[in-house]
Amino acid sequence: PFTITSPPKTDVWRPSADKDVFNAPWIYQTIPVSQFQRISVTVFGPWKTQYDQGGLLINFPLNGSQWIKAGIEYDNSRPNLGVVGTDRLSDWSISP
């Protein structure tokens, strides 16, 4: 087990084609796609600030510009299941 603590105003997000926000702390391991079978994570936190989040980030390193992040994200005063897919831009979806 390990703990990651994130300072305020960090994120992994591409709001426009010419701007990346990729300043959140993360721990990573590189593996060949052929060896990837499954992944799991347990996250918890004092979700209280808009967009507080914790989860998984899958980065596609061929061009370094595509990623998927999924986990718990605090929005509208409650924790939600959130996912962001990013190619040219980030696309965000949440569900309570």
N, C-alpha and C. Protein backbone atom coordinates (compact mmCIF):
# COMPACT_ATOMS: atom_id res chain seq x y z
N PRO A 1 0.83 -1.20 0.00
CA PRO A 1 0.00 0.00 0.00
C PRO A 1 0.87 1.26 0.00
N PHE A 2 0.32 2.30 -0.52
CA PHE A 2 1.00 3.59 -0.52
C PHE A 2 -0.04 4.69 -0.44
N THR A 3 0.40 5.88 -0.11
CA THR A 3 -0.48 7.03 0.01
C THR A 3 0.04 8.14 -0.90
N ILE A 4 -0.86 8.75 -1.62
CA ILE A 4 -0.53 9.93 -2.42
C ILE A 4 -1.37 11.08 -1.87
N THR A 5 -0.72 12.17 -1.58
CA THR A 5 -1.40 13.38 -1.14
C THR A 5 -1.19 14.44 -2.21
N SER A 6 -2.27 15.07 -2.60
CA SER A 6 -2.20 16.04 -3.69
C SER A 6 -2.43 17.45 -3.18
N PRO A 7 -1.61 18.40 -3.60
CA PRO A 7 -1.87 19.78 -3.23
C PRO A 7 -3.09 20.32 -3.99
N PRO A 8 -3.64 21.43 -3.54
CA PRO A 8 -4.80 22.02 -4.23
C PRO A 8 -4.47 22.41 -5.68
N LYS A 9 -5.52 22.46 -6.47
CA LYS A 9 -5.46 22.94 -7.85
C LYS A 9 -4.54 22.11 -8.75
N THR A 10 -4.53 20.80 -8.54
CA THR A 10 -3.81 19.91 -9.45
C THR A 10 -4.83 19.08 -10.23
N ASP A 11 -4.46 18.65 -11.42
CA ASP A 11 -5.41 17.90 -12.25
C ASP A 11 -4.67 17.22 -13.39
N VAL A 12 -5.40 16.37 -14.08
CA VAL A 12 -4.99 15.79 -15.36
C VAL A 12 -6.15 16.09 -16.30
N TRP A 13 -5.96 17.05 -17.21
CA TRP A 13 -7.08 17.59 -17.98
C TRP A 13 -6.53 18.35 -19.18
N ARG A 14 -7.21 18.28 -20.30
CA ARG A 14 -6.84 19.07 -21.48
C ARG A 14 -8.05 19.93 -21.87
N PRO A 15 -8.07 21.18 -21.41
CA PRO A 15 -9.22 22.04 -21.70
C PRO A 15 -9.25 22.56 -23.14
N SER A 16 -8.10 22.61 -23.81
CA SER A 16 -8.06 23.05 -25.20
C SER A 16 -6.91 22.31 -25.90
N ALA A 17 -6.92 22.35 -27.22
CA ALA A 17 -5.92 21.59 -27.98
C ALA A 17 -4.49 22.04 -27.72
N ASP A 18 -4.31 23.26 -27.24
CA ASP A 18 -2.95 23.77 -27.02
C ASP A 18 -2.61 23.93 -25.53
N LYS A 19 -3.40 23.32 -24.65
CA LYS A 19 -3.13 23.46 -23.21
C LYS A 19 -3.38 22.14 -22.49
N ASP A 20 -2.36 21.64 -21.81
CA ASP A 20 -2.49 20.47 -20.94
C ASP A 20 -2.32 20.91 -19.50
N VAL A 21 -3.18 20.40 -18.63
CA VAL A 21 -2.98 20.51 -17.19
C VAL A 21 -2.65 19.09 -16.74
N PHE A 22 -1.41 18.82 -16.44
CA PHE A 22 -0.97 17.48 -16.07
C PHE A 22 -0.01 17.63 -14.89
N ASN A 23 -0.54 18.15 -13.78
CA ASN A 23 0.30 18.47 -12.63
C ASN A 23 -0.08 17.71 -11.36
N ALA A 24 -0.94 16.72 -11.48
CA ALA A 24 -1.34 15.93 -10.31
C ALA A 24 -0.27 14.88 -10.01
N PRO A 25 -0.06 14.56 -8.74
CA PRO A 25 0.91 13.50 -8.43
C PRO A 25 0.36 12.14 -8.85
N TRP A 26 1.26 11.27 -9.30
CA TRP A 26 0.85 9.92 -9.69
C TRP A 26 2.04 8.99 -9.58
N ILE A 27 1.74 7.74 -9.39
CA ILE A 27 2.74 6.69 -9.36
C ILE A 27 2.45 5.81 -10.57
N TYR A 28 3.48 5.46 -11.31
CA TYR A 28 3.22 4.70 -12.53
C TYR A 28 4.16 3.53 -12.71
N GLN A 29 3.70 2.61 -13.54
CA GLN A 29 4.51 1.47 -13.95
C GLN A 29 4.25 1.26 -15.44
N THR A 30 5.30 1.12 -16.21
CA THR A 30 5.18 0.89 -17.64
C THR A 30 5.20 -0.61 -17.92
N ILE A 31 4.21 -1.06 -18.70
CA ILE A 31 4.17 -2.47 -19.10
C ILE A 31 3.76 -2.56 -20.57
N PRO A 32 4.19 -3.60 -21.27
CA PRO A 32 3.72 -3.80 -22.64
C PRO A 32 2.22 -4.11 -22.65
N VAL A 33 1.53 -3.59 -23.63
CA VAL A 33 0.09 -3.84 -23.74
C VAL A 33 -0.21 -5.33 -23.75
N SER A 34 0.65 -6.12 -24.35
CA SER A 34 0.41 -7.57 -24.44
C SER A 34 0.42 -8.24 -23.06
N GLN A 35 1.01 -7.61 -22.06
CA GLN A 35 1.04 -8.18 -20.71
C GLN A 35 -0.08 -7.65 -19.81
N PHE A 36 -0.80 -6.64 -20.28
CA PHE A 36 -1.87 -6.05 -19.47
C PHE A 36 -3.07 -6.99 -19.43
N GLN A 37 -3.52 -7.35 -18.22
CA GLN A 37 -4.69 -8.21 -18.07
C GLN A 37 -5.79 -7.53 -17.30
N ARG A 38 -5.46 -6.92 -16.17
CA ARG A 38 -6.47 -6.24 -15.37
C ARG A 38 -5.76 -5.33 -14.38
N ILE A 39 -6.55 -4.44 -13.80
CA ILE A 39 -6.02 -3.51 -12.82
C ILE A 39 -7.13 -3.16 -11.84
N SER A 40 -6.76 -2.90 -10.61
CA SER A 40 -7.75 -2.46 -9.63
C SER A 40 -7.09 -1.48 -8.68
N VAL A 41 -7.90 -0.69 -8.05
CA VAL A 41 -7.41 0.29 -7.10
C VAL A 41 -8.49 0.53 -6.05
N THR A 42 -8.07 0.82 -4.85
CA THR A 42 -8.98 1.25 -3.80
C THR A 42 -8.60 2.67 -3.43
N VAL A 43 -9.55 3.57 -3.48
CA VAL A 43 -9.28 4.96 -3.14
C VAL A 43 -10.23 5.41 -2.05
N PHE A 44 -9.74 6.28 -1.21
CA PHE A 44 -10.61 6.95 -0.25
C PHE A 44 -9.99 8.29 0.07
N GLY A 45 -10.80 9.18 0.54
CA GLY A 45 -10.28 10.51 0.87
C GLY A 45 -11.35 11.35 1.52
N PRO A 46 -10.93 12.49 2.02
CA PRO A 46 -11.88 13.42 2.63
C PRO A 46 -12.52 14.29 1.54
N TRP A 47 -13.30 13.67 0.65
CA TRP A 47 -13.88 14.40 -0.48
C TRP A 47 -14.70 15.57 0.05
N LYS A 48 -14.26 16.79 -0.20
CA LYS A 48 -15.01 17.95 0.30
C LYS A 48 -14.89 19.17 -0.59
N THR A 49 -13.91 19.20 -1.49
CA THR A 49 -13.71 20.35 -2.36
C THR A 49 -14.08 19.96 -3.79
N GLN A 50 -14.75 20.87 -4.49
CA GLN A 50 -15.16 20.62 -5.87
C GLN A 50 -14.00 20.02 -6.67
N TYR A 51 -14.25 18.90 -7.33
CA TYR A 51 -13.32 18.16 -8.19
C TYR A 51 -12.25 17.37 -7.44
N ASP A 52 -12.33 17.25 -6.11
CA ASP A 52 -11.43 16.31 -5.42
C ASP A 52 -11.61 14.95 -6.08
N GLN A 53 -10.51 14.22 -6.29
CA GLN A 53 -10.64 12.94 -7.00
C GLN A 53 -9.50 12.00 -6.68
N GLY A 54 -9.74 10.74 -6.92
CA GLY A 54 -8.73 9.70 -6.78
C GLY A 54 -9.12 8.52 -7.63
N GLY A 55 -8.15 7.85 -8.24
CA GLY A 55 -8.48 6.71 -9.07
C GLY A 55 -7.31 6.23 -9.89
N LEU A 56 -7.61 5.79 -11.10
CA LEU A 56 -6.62 5.22 -12.02
C LEU A 56 -6.38 6.16 -13.20
N LEU A 57 -5.15 6.16 -13.68
CA LEU A 57 -4.81 6.88 -14.90
C LEU A 57 -4.09 5.91 -15.83
N ILE A 58 -4.62 5.75 -17.03
CA ILE A 58 -3.97 4.92 -18.04
C ILE A 58 -3.49 5.86 -19.13
N ASN A 59 -2.19 5.93 -19.31
CA ASN A 59 -1.57 6.82 -20.28
C ASN A 59 -1.09 6.00 -21.47
N PHE A 60 -1.38 6.47 -22.66
CA PHE A 60 -0.95 5.79 -23.88
C PHE A 60 0.30 6.50 -24.40
N PRO A 61 1.47 5.92 -24.19
CA PRO A 61 2.72 6.65 -24.40
C PRO A 61 3.21 6.79 -25.84
N LEU A 62 2.54 6.20 -26.80
CA LEU A 62 3.05 6.28 -28.17
C LEU A 62 3.24 7.73 -28.62
N ASN A 63 2.25 8.55 -28.34
CA ASN A 63 2.42 9.97 -28.68
C ASN A 63 2.29 10.85 -27.44
N GLY A 64 2.04 10.26 -26.29
CA GLY A 64 2.00 10.99 -25.03
C GLY A 64 0.82 11.92 -24.87
N SER A 65 -0.14 11.86 -25.78
CA SER A 65 -1.22 12.83 -25.70
C SER A 65 -2.58 12.20 -25.43
N GLN A 66 -2.63 10.90 -25.19
CA GLN A 66 -3.91 10.24 -24.94
C GLN A 66 -3.88 9.57 -23.58
N TRP A 67 -4.97 9.72 -22.83
CA TRP A 67 -5.08 9.06 -21.55
C TRP A 67 -6.53 8.88 -21.17
N ILE A 68 -6.75 7.98 -20.21
CA ILE A 68 -8.05 7.77 -19.59
C ILE A 68 -7.83 7.81 -18.09
N LYS A 69 -8.65 8.55 -17.39
CA LYS A 69 -8.62 8.50 -15.92
C LYS A 69 -10.02 8.18 -15.44
N ALA A 70 -10.10 7.38 -14.39
CA ALA A 70 -11.40 6.97 -13.85
C ALA A 70 -11.28 6.81 -12.35
N GLY A 71 -12.33 7.14 -11.63
CA GLY A 71 -12.31 6.99 -10.18
C GLY A 71 -13.44 7.74 -9.53
N ILE A 72 -13.19 8.15 -8.30
CA ILE A 72 -14.15 8.92 -7.51
C ILE A 72 -13.84 10.40 -7.71
N GLU A 73 -14.86 11.19 -8.00
CA GLU A 73 -14.67 12.64 -8.16
C GLU A 73 -15.81 13.36 -7.45
N TYR A 74 -15.45 14.36 -6.66
CA TYR A 74 -16.41 15.12 -5.87
C TYR A 74 -16.98 16.24 -6.72
N ASP A 75 -18.30 16.22 -6.93
CA ASP A 75 -18.98 17.24 -7.72
C ASP A 75 -20.40 17.37 -7.20
N ASN A 76 -20.91 18.58 -7.18
CA ASN A 76 -22.27 18.85 -6.69
C ASN A 76 -22.47 18.34 -5.27
N SER A 77 -21.46 18.56 -4.42
CA SER A 77 -21.52 18.24 -2.99
C SER A 77 -21.62 16.75 -2.67
N ARG A 78 -21.16 15.89 -3.59
CA ARG A 78 -21.17 14.45 -3.31
C ARG A 78 -20.11 13.74 -4.15
N PRO A 79 -19.65 12.57 -3.68
CA PRO A 79 -18.73 11.77 -4.49
C PRO A 79 -19.49 11.10 -5.64
N ASN A 80 -18.88 11.03 -6.79
CA ASN A 80 -19.45 10.44 -7.99
C ASN A 80 -18.43 9.52 -8.64
N LEU A 81 -18.91 8.65 -9.51
CA LEU A 81 -18.02 7.90 -10.38
C LEU A 81 -17.72 8.80 -11.56
N GLY A 82 -16.45 9.05 -11.83
CA GLY A 82 -16.07 9.94 -12.92
C GLY A 82 -15.09 9.28 -13.87
N VAL A 83 -15.17 9.67 -15.13
CA VAL A 83 -14.21 9.18 -16.12
C VAL A 83 -13.91 10.32 -17.10
N VAL A 84 -12.66 10.41 -17.50
CA VAL A 84 -12.23 11.38 -18.50
C VAL A 84 -11.44 10.62 -19.57
N GLY A 85 -11.86 10.77 -20.80
CA GLY A 85 -11.10 10.25 -21.93
C GLY A 85 -10.49 11.43 -22.66
N THR A 86 -9.21 11.32 -23.02
CA THR A 86 -8.53 12.44 -23.66
C THR A 86 -7.82 11.97 -24.92
N ASP A 87 -8.10 12.68 -26.00
CA ASP A 87 -7.36 12.54 -27.24
C ASP A 87 -6.95 13.95 -27.63
N ARG A 88 -7.67 14.61 -28.51
CA ARG A 88 -7.36 16.01 -28.80
C ARG A 88 -7.78 16.90 -27.64
N LEU A 89 -8.93 16.59 -27.02
CA LEU A 89 -9.46 17.32 -25.87
C LEU A 89 -9.91 16.31 -24.83
N SER A 90 -10.09 16.76 -23.61
CA SER A 90 -10.64 15.90 -22.56
C SER A 90 -12.16 15.91 -22.61
N ASP A 91 -12.77 14.75 -22.38
CA ASP A 91 -14.22 14.60 -22.34
C ASP A 91 -14.56 13.96 -21.01
N TRP A 92 -15.34 14.64 -20.18
CA TRP A 92 -15.61 14.25 -18.79
C TRP A 92 -17.04 13.77 -18.64
N SER A 93 -17.23 12.67 -17.92
CA SER A 93 -18.57 12.16 -17.58
C SER A 93 -18.57 11.75 -16.12
N ILE A 94 -19.68 12.03 -15.43
CA ILE A 94 -19.83 11.57 -14.05
C ILE A 94 -21.21 10.98 -13.86
N SER A 95 -21.31 10.11 -12.85
CA SER A 95 -22.57 9.49 -12.48
C SER A 95 -22.58 9.29 -10.98
N PRO A 96 -23.70 9.65 -10.32
CA PRO A 96 -23.75 9.47 -8.85
C PRO A 96 -23.71 8.00 -8.45
